[in-house]
Amino acid sequence: MDRLASKQKAARVQLTSAEIQLRAAKERAEVQTKKVEQLQSRLGSIVSDRENLAKELKTAKLEVVVVQADADEMVARYKADAEAAQDLVKNVVEHMKLLSRREALEEVHAQGFDLSAKIENAKVLEAEARKLAYPEEDDSEDSSRSKSGEDSGNPSDEVGSGQD
């Protein structure tokens, strides 16, 4: 019986030890189960966040395409407007030049200037100045020059030609 009692005692010790190990294993399993549940929850949250970010990225890309198209359209409009404004400025400048020229001509006409009379007067004064500058020319040269209408090529031609 001692033997049986010692076997029983040993079996109880083993049973107690097995129960303690079983409880410890259950506690570790529960802790690990909680950790797994927490990790799964975090993973689900991360996956959800990733999906949301992917949707936001897609939406942002679409917005960029729309904004880029709008910007390109605005740039094209501004270029066209700038070209039109430059053309308008050119036309206005040309108009102002022509208007100024017309006003100057009207002013000359209004003041009664007869430019052809002034030109004839200047020719007469030039001829008189030539005679005063070169008195040694004989009358025969003057008469031949006035008949042919050509100058003889002397220095007085350069002075009195009126060309600068």
N, C-alpha and C. Protein backbone atom coordinates (compact mmCIF):
# COMPACT_ATOMS: atom_id res chain seq x y z
N MET A 1 0.76 -1.15 0.00
CA MET A 1 0.00 0.00 0.00
C MET A 1 0.84 1.27 0.00
N ASP A 2 1.88 1.17 0.64
CA ASP A 2 2.75 2.32 0.58
C ASP A 2 3.12 2.65 -0.86
N ARG A 3 3.29 1.62 -1.50
CA ARG A 3 3.64 1.80 -2.88
C ARG A 3 2.51 2.46 -3.62
N LEU A 4 1.35 2.01 -3.40
CA LEU A 4 0.17 2.56 -4.04
C LEU A 4 -0.03 4.00 -3.57
N ALA A 5 0.16 4.27 -2.32
CA ALA A 5 0.00 5.62 -1.79
C ALA A 5 1.07 6.53 -2.37
N SER A 6 2.29 6.04 -2.48
CA SER A 6 3.33 6.87 -3.04
C SER A 6 3.07 7.10 -4.53
N LYS A 7 2.52 6.13 -5.23
CA LYS A 7 2.19 6.31 -6.64
C LYS A 7 1.07 7.32 -6.76
N GLN A 8 0.12 7.22 -5.87
CA GLN A 8 -0.99 8.17 -5.88
C GLN A 8 -0.47 9.58 -5.60
N LYS A 9 0.40 9.66 -4.63
CA LYS A 9 0.94 10.96 -4.27
C LYS A 9 1.73 11.51 -5.45
N ALA A 10 2.51 10.66 -6.07
CA ALA A 10 3.31 11.10 -7.22
C ALA A 10 2.39 11.51 -8.35
N ALA A 11 1.30 10.77 -8.53
CA ALA A 11 0.35 11.09 -9.59
C ALA A 11 -0.32 12.42 -9.29
N ARG A 12 -0.63 12.67 -8.02
CA ARG A 12 -1.26 13.95 -7.66
C ARG A 12 -0.27 15.11 -7.89
N VAL A 13 0.97 14.87 -7.53
CA VAL A 13 1.98 15.91 -7.74
C VAL A 13 2.09 16.19 -9.25
N GLN A 14 2.12 15.14 -10.03
CA GLN A 14 2.20 15.30 -11.48
C GLN A 14 0.95 16.00 -12.01
N LEU A 15 -0.20 15.62 -11.46
CA LEU A 15 -1.45 16.24 -11.87
C LEU A 15 -1.45 17.71 -11.50
N THR A 16 -1.03 18.04 -10.30
CA THR A 16 -0.97 19.43 -9.87
C THR A 16 0.01 20.19 -10.76
N SER A 17 1.14 19.57 -10.99
CA SER A 17 2.14 20.22 -11.84
C SER A 17 1.58 20.42 -13.24
N ALA A 18 0.87 19.44 -13.77
CA ALA A 18 0.28 19.54 -15.09
C ALA A 18 -0.80 20.62 -15.10
N GLU A 19 -1.58 20.70 -14.02
CA GLU A 19 -2.62 21.74 -13.93
C GLU A 19 -1.98 23.12 -13.91
N ILE A 20 -0.89 23.25 -13.14
CA ILE A 20 -0.19 24.55 -13.07
C ILE A 20 0.35 24.91 -14.46
N GLN A 21 0.95 23.95 -15.12
CA GLN A 21 1.49 24.19 -16.46
C GLN A 21 0.36 24.51 -17.44
N LEU A 22 -0.77 23.81 -17.26
CA LEU A 22 -1.91 24.06 -18.13
C LEU A 22 -2.45 25.47 -17.91
N ARG A 23 -2.58 25.89 -16.65
CA ARG A 23 -3.04 27.26 -16.36
C ARG A 23 -2.07 28.29 -16.94
N ALA A 24 -0.80 28.05 -16.74
CA ALA A 24 0.21 28.98 -17.27
C ALA A 24 0.12 29.04 -18.79
N ALA A 25 -0.07 27.89 -19.42
CA ALA A 25 -0.19 27.84 -20.88
C ALA A 25 -1.45 28.57 -21.33
N LYS A 26 -2.56 28.40 -20.56
CA LYS A 26 -3.80 29.10 -20.89
C LYS A 26 -3.61 30.61 -20.78
N GLU A 27 -2.93 31.03 -19.70
CA GLU A 27 -2.70 32.47 -19.51
C GLU A 27 -1.85 33.02 -20.65
N ARG A 28 -0.79 32.26 -21.00
CA ARG A 28 0.05 32.72 -22.12
C ARG A 28 -0.76 32.74 -23.42
N ALA A 29 -1.60 31.75 -23.61
CA ALA A 29 -2.43 31.69 -24.81
C ALA A 29 -3.41 32.86 -24.83
N GLU A 30 -3.98 33.19 -23.67
CA GLU A 30 -4.89 34.34 -23.60
C GLU A 30 -4.15 35.63 -23.91
N VAL A 31 -2.96 35.78 -23.33
CA VAL A 31 -2.16 36.99 -23.59
C VAL A 31 -1.83 37.07 -25.08
N GLN A 32 -1.42 35.96 -25.65
CA GLN A 32 -1.09 35.95 -27.07
C GLN A 32 -2.34 36.19 -27.92
N THR A 33 -3.47 35.64 -27.50
CA THR A 33 -4.72 35.86 -28.22
C THR A 33 -5.08 37.34 -28.19
N LYS A 34 -4.91 37.97 -27.01
CA LYS A 34 -5.20 39.41 -26.91
C LYS A 34 -4.25 40.20 -27.81
N LYS A 35 -2.96 39.80 -27.80
CA LYS A 35 -1.99 40.50 -28.65
C LYS A 35 -2.36 40.33 -30.12
N VAL A 36 -2.73 39.11 -30.50
CA VAL A 36 -3.13 38.85 -31.89
C VAL A 36 -4.35 39.68 -32.24
N GLU A 37 -5.33 39.74 -31.33
CA GLU A 37 -6.53 40.54 -31.59
C GLU A 37 -6.18 42.02 -31.74
N GLN A 38 -5.29 42.50 -30.85
CA GLN A 38 -4.86 43.90 -30.95
C GLN A 38 -4.14 44.14 -32.28
N LEU A 39 -3.24 43.24 -32.64
CA LEU A 39 -2.51 43.39 -33.90
C LEU A 39 -3.45 43.32 -35.10
N GLN A 40 -4.45 42.41 -35.03
CA GLN A 40 -5.43 42.33 -36.11
C GLN A 40 -6.24 43.61 -36.20
N SER A 41 -6.59 44.16 -35.04
CA SER A 41 -7.34 45.41 -35.02
C SER A 41 -6.49 46.54 -35.63
N ARG A 42 -5.22 46.61 -35.22
CA ARG A 42 -4.32 47.64 -35.77
C ARG A 42 -4.13 47.43 -37.28
N LEU A 43 -3.98 46.16 -37.66
CA LEU A 43 -3.81 45.86 -39.08
C LEU A 43 -5.06 46.27 -39.87
N GLY A 44 -6.23 46.00 -39.33
CA GLY A 44 -7.47 46.41 -39.98
C GLY A 44 -7.54 47.93 -40.10
N SER A 45 -7.14 48.61 -39.03
CA SER A 45 -7.14 50.07 -39.04
C SER A 45 -6.14 50.60 -40.08
N ILE A 46 -4.97 49.97 -40.13
CA ILE A 46 -3.95 50.40 -41.10
C ILE A 46 -4.43 50.15 -42.52
N VAL A 47 -5.03 48.99 -42.76
CA VAL A 47 -5.55 48.68 -44.09
C VAL A 47 -6.64 49.67 -44.47
N SER A 48 -7.51 49.99 -43.52
CA SER A 48 -8.57 50.96 -43.77
C SER A 48 -7.97 52.34 -44.08
N ASP A 49 -6.97 52.73 -43.28
CA ASP A 49 -6.30 54.01 -43.53
C ASP A 49 -5.64 54.03 -44.91
N ARG A 50 -5.01 52.91 -45.25
CA ARG A 50 -4.35 52.82 -46.55
C ARG A 50 -5.37 52.94 -47.68
N GLU A 51 -6.50 52.29 -47.54
CA GLU A 51 -7.55 52.39 -48.56
C GLU A 51 -8.06 53.82 -48.67
N ASN A 52 -8.24 54.47 -47.51
CA ASN A 52 -8.70 55.87 -47.51
C ASN A 52 -7.66 56.76 -48.19
N LEU A 53 -6.38 56.53 -47.86
CA LEU A 53 -5.32 57.33 -48.48
C LEU A 53 -5.27 57.09 -49.99
N ALA A 54 -5.48 55.85 -50.40
CA ALA A 54 -5.49 55.55 -51.84
C ALA A 54 -6.64 56.29 -52.52
N LYS A 55 -7.80 56.32 -51.88
CA LYS A 55 -8.94 57.05 -52.44
C LYS A 55 -8.64 58.54 -52.51
N GLU A 56 -8.05 59.08 -51.42
CA GLU A 56 -7.71 60.50 -51.41
C GLU A 56 -6.68 60.83 -52.49
N LEU A 57 -5.70 59.93 -52.67
CA LEU A 57 -4.69 60.14 -53.70
C LEU A 57 -5.33 60.15 -55.09
N LYS A 58 -6.23 59.24 -55.32
CA LYS A 58 -6.92 59.18 -56.60
C LYS A 58 -7.72 60.46 -56.83
N THR A 59 -8.43 60.90 -55.79
CA THR A 59 -9.20 62.14 -55.88
C THR A 59 -8.28 63.33 -56.14
N ALA A 60 -7.15 63.37 -55.42
CA ALA A 60 -6.20 64.47 -55.60
C ALA A 60 -5.63 64.48 -57.02
N LYS A 61 -5.33 63.30 -57.55
CA LYS A 61 -4.81 63.23 -58.92
C LYS A 61 -5.84 63.75 -59.92
N LEU A 62 -7.11 63.39 -59.69
CA LEU A 62 -8.16 63.89 -60.58
C LEU A 62 -8.28 65.41 -60.48
N GLU A 63 -8.17 65.93 -59.26
CA GLU A 63 -8.23 67.38 -59.07
C GLU A 63 -7.05 68.06 -59.77
N VAL A 64 -5.88 67.44 -59.69
CA VAL A 64 -4.70 68.00 -60.35
C VAL A 64 -4.93 68.07 -61.86
N VAL A 65 -5.51 67.03 -62.42
CA VAL A 65 -5.78 67.01 -63.86
C VAL A 65 -6.74 68.14 -64.22
N VAL A 66 -7.78 68.30 -63.41
CA VAL A 66 -8.77 69.36 -63.68
C VAL A 66 -8.13 70.74 -63.54
N VAL A 67 -7.37 70.93 -62.46
CA VAL A 67 -6.72 72.22 -62.23
C VAL A 67 -5.71 72.51 -63.34
N GLN A 68 -4.96 71.50 -63.76
CA GLN A 68 -3.99 71.69 -64.84
C GLN A 68 -4.70 72.09 -66.13
N ALA A 69 -5.81 71.45 -66.42
CA ALA A 69 -6.57 71.81 -67.62
C ALA A 69 -7.08 73.25 -67.53
N ASP A 70 -7.58 73.62 -66.35
CA ASP A 70 -8.04 75.00 -66.15
C ASP A 70 -6.89 75.99 -66.32
N ALA A 71 -5.74 75.65 -65.74
CA ALA A 71 -4.57 76.53 -65.84
C ALA A 71 -4.12 76.66 -67.29
N ASP A 72 -4.09 75.56 -68.02
CA ASP A 72 -3.72 75.62 -69.44
C ASP A 72 -4.69 76.49 -70.23
N GLU A 73 -5.97 76.36 -69.90
CA GLU A 73 -6.98 77.17 -70.58
C GLU A 73 -6.78 78.65 -70.27
N MET A 74 -6.51 78.95 -69.00
CA MET A 74 -6.28 80.35 -68.61
C MET A 74 -5.04 80.91 -69.29
N VAL A 75 -3.98 80.12 -69.35
CA VAL A 75 -2.75 80.58 -70.01
C VAL A 75 -3.02 80.86 -71.48
N ALA A 76 -3.76 79.97 -72.12
CA ALA A 76 -4.09 80.18 -73.53
C ALA A 76 -4.91 81.45 -73.71
N ARG A 77 -5.88 81.66 -72.80
CA ARG A 77 -6.70 82.88 -72.88
C ARG A 77 -5.84 84.12 -72.67
N TYR A 78 -4.95 84.08 -71.66
CA TYR A 78 -4.10 85.24 -71.39
C TYR A 78 -3.15 85.51 -72.55
N LYS A 79 -2.64 84.44 -73.18
CA LYS A 79 -1.78 84.64 -74.35
C LYS A 79 -2.56 85.31 -75.47
N ALA A 80 -3.75 84.80 -75.72
CA ALA A 80 -4.58 85.38 -76.78
C ALA A 80 -4.91 86.84 -76.46
N ASP A 81 -5.24 87.10 -75.20
CA ASP A 81 -5.55 88.48 -74.79
C ASP A 81 -4.32 89.37 -74.95
N ALA A 82 -3.15 88.86 -74.58
CA ALA A 82 -1.92 89.65 -74.69
C ALA A 82 -1.61 89.95 -76.16
N GLU A 83 -1.77 88.95 -77.02
CA GLU A 83 -1.53 89.17 -78.44
C GLU A 83 -2.53 90.19 -79.00
N ALA A 84 -3.77 90.07 -78.59
CA ALA A 84 -4.79 91.03 -79.05
C ALA A 84 -4.45 92.43 -78.56
N ALA A 85 -3.99 92.53 -77.31
CA ALA A 85 -3.62 93.83 -76.76
C ALA A 85 -2.43 94.41 -77.51
N GLN A 86 -1.45 93.57 -77.85
CA GLN A 86 -0.29 94.05 -78.61
C GLN A 86 -0.72 94.53 -79.99
N ASP A 87 -1.61 93.79 -80.63
CA ASP A 87 -2.11 94.22 -81.93
C ASP A 87 -2.85 95.54 -81.81
N LEU A 88 -3.65 95.66 -80.75
CA LEU A 88 -4.38 96.91 -80.53
C LEU A 88 -3.42 98.07 -80.32
N VAL A 89 -2.37 97.83 -79.53
CA VAL A 89 -1.38 98.89 -79.27
C VAL A 89 -0.70 99.29 -80.58
N LYS A 90 -0.34 98.30 -81.41
CA LYS A 90 0.28 98.62 -82.70
C LYS A 90 -0.66 99.48 -83.54
N ASN A 91 -1.93 99.09 -83.57
CA ASN A 91 -2.90 99.85 -84.36
C ASN A 91 -3.09 101.26 -83.81
N VAL A 92 -3.12 101.38 -82.49
CA VAL A 92 -3.28 102.71 -81.87
C VAL A 92 -2.07 103.58 -82.18
N VAL A 93 -0.86 102.99 -82.07
CA VAL A 93 0.36 103.75 -82.36
C VAL A 93 0.36 104.21 -83.82
N GLU A 94 0.02 103.31 -84.72
CA GLU A 94 -0.04 103.67 -86.14
C GLU A 94 -1.08 104.76 -86.38
N HIS A 95 -2.22 104.61 -85.73
CA HIS A 95 -3.27 105.63 -85.86
C HIS A 95 -2.78 106.98 -85.35
N MET A 96 -2.10 106.97 -84.21
CA MET A 96 -1.62 108.22 -83.63
C MET A 96 -0.56 108.87 -84.54
N LYS A 97 0.30 108.03 -85.15
CA LYS A 97 1.29 108.58 -86.08
C LYS A 97 0.59 109.27 -87.25
N LEU A 98 -0.38 108.56 -87.81
CA LEU A 98 -1.10 109.13 -88.96
C LEU A 98 -1.88 110.38 -88.55
N LEU A 99 -2.48 110.34 -87.38
CA LEU A 99 -3.23 111.50 -86.89
C LEU A 99 -2.30 112.69 -86.68
N SER A 100 -1.14 112.44 -86.09
CA SER A 100 -0.17 113.50 -85.86
C SER A 100 0.30 114.09 -87.19
N ARG A 101 0.57 113.22 -88.15
CA ARG A 101 1.01 113.68 -89.46
C ARG A 101 -0.06 114.52 -90.13
N ARG A 102 -1.30 114.04 -90.06
CA ARG A 102 -2.40 114.79 -90.66
C ARG A 102 -2.56 116.15 -89.99
N GLU A 103 -2.47 116.16 -88.64
CA GLU A 103 -2.62 117.44 -87.92
C GLU A 103 -1.49 118.40 -88.29
N ALA A 104 -0.27 117.86 -88.44
CA ALA A 104 0.85 118.72 -88.83
C ALA A 104 0.63 119.30 -90.22
N LEU A 105 0.15 118.46 -91.13
CA LEU A 105 -0.12 118.95 -92.49
C LEU A 105 -1.25 119.98 -92.48
N GLU A 106 -2.28 119.72 -91.69
CA GLU A 106 -3.38 120.68 -91.60
C GLU A 106 -2.89 122.00 -91.00
N GLU A 107 -1.99 121.90 -90.02
CA GLU A 107 -1.45 123.12 -89.39
C GLU A 107 -0.63 123.91 -90.40
N VAL A 108 0.20 123.21 -91.17
CA VAL A 108 0.99 123.89 -92.19
C VAL A 108 0.07 124.56 -93.20
N HIS A 109 -0.94 123.83 -93.62
CA HIS A 109 -1.89 124.39 -94.58
C HIS A 109 -2.65 125.57 -93.98
N ALA A 110 -3.03 125.44 -92.71
CA ALA A 110 -3.80 126.50 -92.05
C ALA A 110 -2.97 127.76 -91.88
N GLN A 111 -1.68 127.61 -91.69
CA GLN A 111 -0.84 128.80 -91.51
C GLN A 111 -0.52 129.45 -92.85
N GLY A 112 -0.95 128.84 -93.91
CA GLY A 112 -0.81 129.46 -95.22
C GLY A 112 0.59 129.38 -95.79
N PHE A 113 1.38 128.46 -95.35
CA PHE A 113 2.74 128.33 -95.90
C PHE A 113 2.66 127.78 -97.31
N ASP A 114 3.37 128.43 -98.18
CA ASP A 114 3.47 127.92 -99.54
C ASP A 114 4.89 127.44 -99.70
N LEU A 115 5.07 126.16 -99.56
CA LEU A 115 6.41 125.60 -99.57
C LEU A 115 7.08 125.74 -100.94
N SER A 116 6.31 125.64 -101.99
CA SER A 116 6.92 125.78 -103.31
C SER A 116 7.48 127.18 -103.50
N ALA A 117 6.81 128.19 -102.98
CA ALA A 117 7.32 129.56 -103.07
C ALA A 117 8.61 129.69 -102.27
N LYS A 118 8.68 129.05 -101.12
CA LYS A 118 9.90 129.11 -100.31
C LYS A 118 11.05 128.42 -101.03
N ILE A 119 10.75 127.31 -101.70
CA ILE A 119 11.80 126.59 -102.43
C ILE A 119 12.33 127.47 -103.56
N GLU A 120 11.46 128.10 -104.31
CA GLU A 120 11.89 128.99 -105.40
C GLU A 120 12.71 130.14 -104.84
N ASN A 121 12.29 130.70 -103.73
CA ASN A 121 13.01 131.80 -103.09
C ASN A 121 14.41 131.32 -102.68
N ALA A 122 14.50 130.12 -102.13
CA ALA A 122 15.79 129.57 -101.71
C ALA A 122 16.70 129.37 -102.91
N LYS A 123 16.15 128.95 -104.07
CA LYS A 123 16.95 128.77 -105.27
C LYS A 123 17.51 130.10 -105.75
N VAL A 124 16.68 131.14 -105.70
CA VAL A 124 17.13 132.47 -106.11
C VAL A 124 18.24 132.94 -105.19
N LEU A 125 18.06 132.77 -103.88
CA LEU A 125 19.09 133.18 -102.92
C LEU A 125 20.38 132.38 -103.12
N GLU A 126 20.25 131.12 -103.47
CA GLU A 126 21.42 130.28 -103.72
C GLU A 126 22.17 130.77 -104.95
N ALA A 127 21.45 131.11 -105.98
CA ALA A 127 22.09 131.61 -107.20
C ALA A 127 22.81 132.92 -106.92
N GLU A 128 22.18 133.79 -106.14
CA GLU A 128 22.82 135.06 -105.79
C GLU A 128 24.07 134.82 -104.96
N ALA A 129 24.00 133.87 -104.03
CA ALA A 129 25.16 133.57 -103.20
C ALA A 129 26.29 132.99 -104.05
N ARG A 130 25.96 132.20 -105.07
CA ARG A 130 26.97 131.63 -105.96
C ARG A 130 27.66 132.74 -106.73
N LYS A 131 26.89 133.70 -107.21
CA LYS A 131 27.48 134.81 -107.96
C LYS A 131 28.41 135.61 -107.06
N LEU A 132 27.99 135.79 -105.79
CA LEU A 132 28.84 136.54 -104.87
C LEU A 132 30.09 135.75 -104.49
N ALA A 133 29.99 134.43 -104.41
CA ALA A 133 31.13 133.61 -104.01
C ALA A 133 32.14 133.47 -105.13
N TYR A 134 31.68 133.43 -106.38
CA TYR A 134 32.58 133.23 -107.54
C TYR A 134 32.34 134.35 -108.56
N PRO A 135 32.79 135.56 -108.26
CA PRO A 135 32.54 136.69 -109.18
C PRO A 135 33.36 136.61 -110.46
N GLU A 136 34.44 135.82 -110.51
CA GLU A 136 35.30 135.80 -111.68
C GLU A 136 34.73 134.98 -112.82
N GLU A 137 33.68 134.25 -112.59
CA GLU A 137 33.07 133.51 -113.69
C GLU A 137 32.61 134.49 -114.76
N ASP A 138 32.92 134.17 -115.99
CA ASP A 138 32.50 135.10 -117.05
C ASP A 138 31.07 134.81 -117.46
N ASP A 139 30.49 135.73 -118.09
CA ASP A 139 29.08 135.65 -118.46
C ASP A 139 28.81 134.53 -119.44
N SER A 140 29.82 134.11 -120.20
CA SER A 140 29.58 133.07 -121.19
C SER A 140 29.26 131.73 -120.51
N GLU A 141 29.91 131.47 -119.39
CA GLU A 141 29.61 130.24 -118.66
C GLU A 141 28.20 130.28 -118.11
N ASP A 142 27.79 131.44 -117.59
CA ASP A 142 26.44 131.56 -117.04
C ASP A 142 25.40 131.34 -118.13
N SER A 143 25.66 131.91 -119.29
CA SER A 143 24.68 131.77 -120.36
C SER A 143 24.63 130.33 -120.87
N SER A 144 25.79 129.67 -120.96
CA SER A 144 25.77 128.28 -121.43
C SER A 144 25.14 127.36 -120.38
N ARG A 145 25.38 127.66 -119.12
CA ARG A 145 24.80 126.84 -118.05
C ARG A 145 23.29 127.01 -118.01
N SER A 146 22.81 128.23 -118.17
CA SER A 146 21.38 128.45 -118.09
C SER A 146 20.67 127.86 -119.30
N LYS A 147 21.33 127.79 -120.46
CA LYS A 147 20.71 127.20 -121.64
C LYS A 147 20.62 125.69 -121.52
N SER A 148 21.71 125.07 -121.05
CA SER A 148 21.70 123.61 -120.99
C SER A 148 21.06 123.09 -119.70
N GLY A 149 21.07 123.90 -118.66
CA GLY A 149 20.47 123.49 -117.39
C GLY A 149 21.39 122.60 -116.58
N GLU A 150 22.68 122.51 -117.02
CA GLU A 150 23.63 121.66 -116.31
C GLU A 150 24.69 122.53 -115.68
N ASP A 151 25.30 122.04 -114.63
CA ASP A 151 26.40 122.74 -113.98
C ASP A 151 27.70 122.27 -114.60
N SER A 152 28.72 123.11 -114.57
CA SER A 152 29.98 122.78 -115.21
C SER A 152 30.89 121.95 -114.33
N GLY A 153 30.55 121.71 -113.09
CA GLY A 153 31.33 120.85 -112.22
C GLY A 153 32.34 121.61 -111.39
N ASN A 154 32.18 122.92 -111.22
CA ASN A 154 33.10 123.68 -110.38
C ASN A 154 32.67 123.61 -108.93
N PRO A 155 33.48 124.09 -107.98
CA PRO A 155 33.15 123.97 -106.55
C PRO A 155 31.84 124.62 -106.17
N SER A 156 31.37 125.58 -106.91
CA SER A 156 30.10 126.21 -106.55
C SER A 156 28.94 125.24 -106.68
N ASP A 157 29.09 124.21 -107.50
CA ASP A 157 28.03 123.23 -107.66
C ASP A 157 27.81 122.47 -106.36
N GLU A 158 28.89 122.15 -105.69
CA GLU A 158 28.76 121.39 -104.44
C GLU A 158 28.12 122.24 -103.36
N VAL A 159 28.47 123.50 -103.28
CA VAL A 159 27.95 124.37 -102.24
C VAL A 159 26.48 124.64 -102.47
N GLY A 160 26.09 124.90 -103.70
CA GLY A 160 24.73 125.33 -103.97
C GLY A 160 23.78 124.22 -104.34
N SER A 161 24.21 122.97 -104.28
CA SER A 161 23.32 121.90 -104.73
C SER A 161 22.17 121.65 -103.77
N GLY A 162 22.32 121.99 -102.50
CA GLY A 162 21.24 121.79 -101.53
C GLY A 162 21.16 120.37 -101.02
N GLN A 163 22.12 119.54 -101.39
CA GLN A 163 22.11 118.16 -100.92
C GLN A 163 23.09 118.01 -99.78
N ASP A 164 22.66 117.35 -98.74
CA ASP A 164 23.54 117.13 -97.58
C ASP A 164 23.80 115.66 -97.41
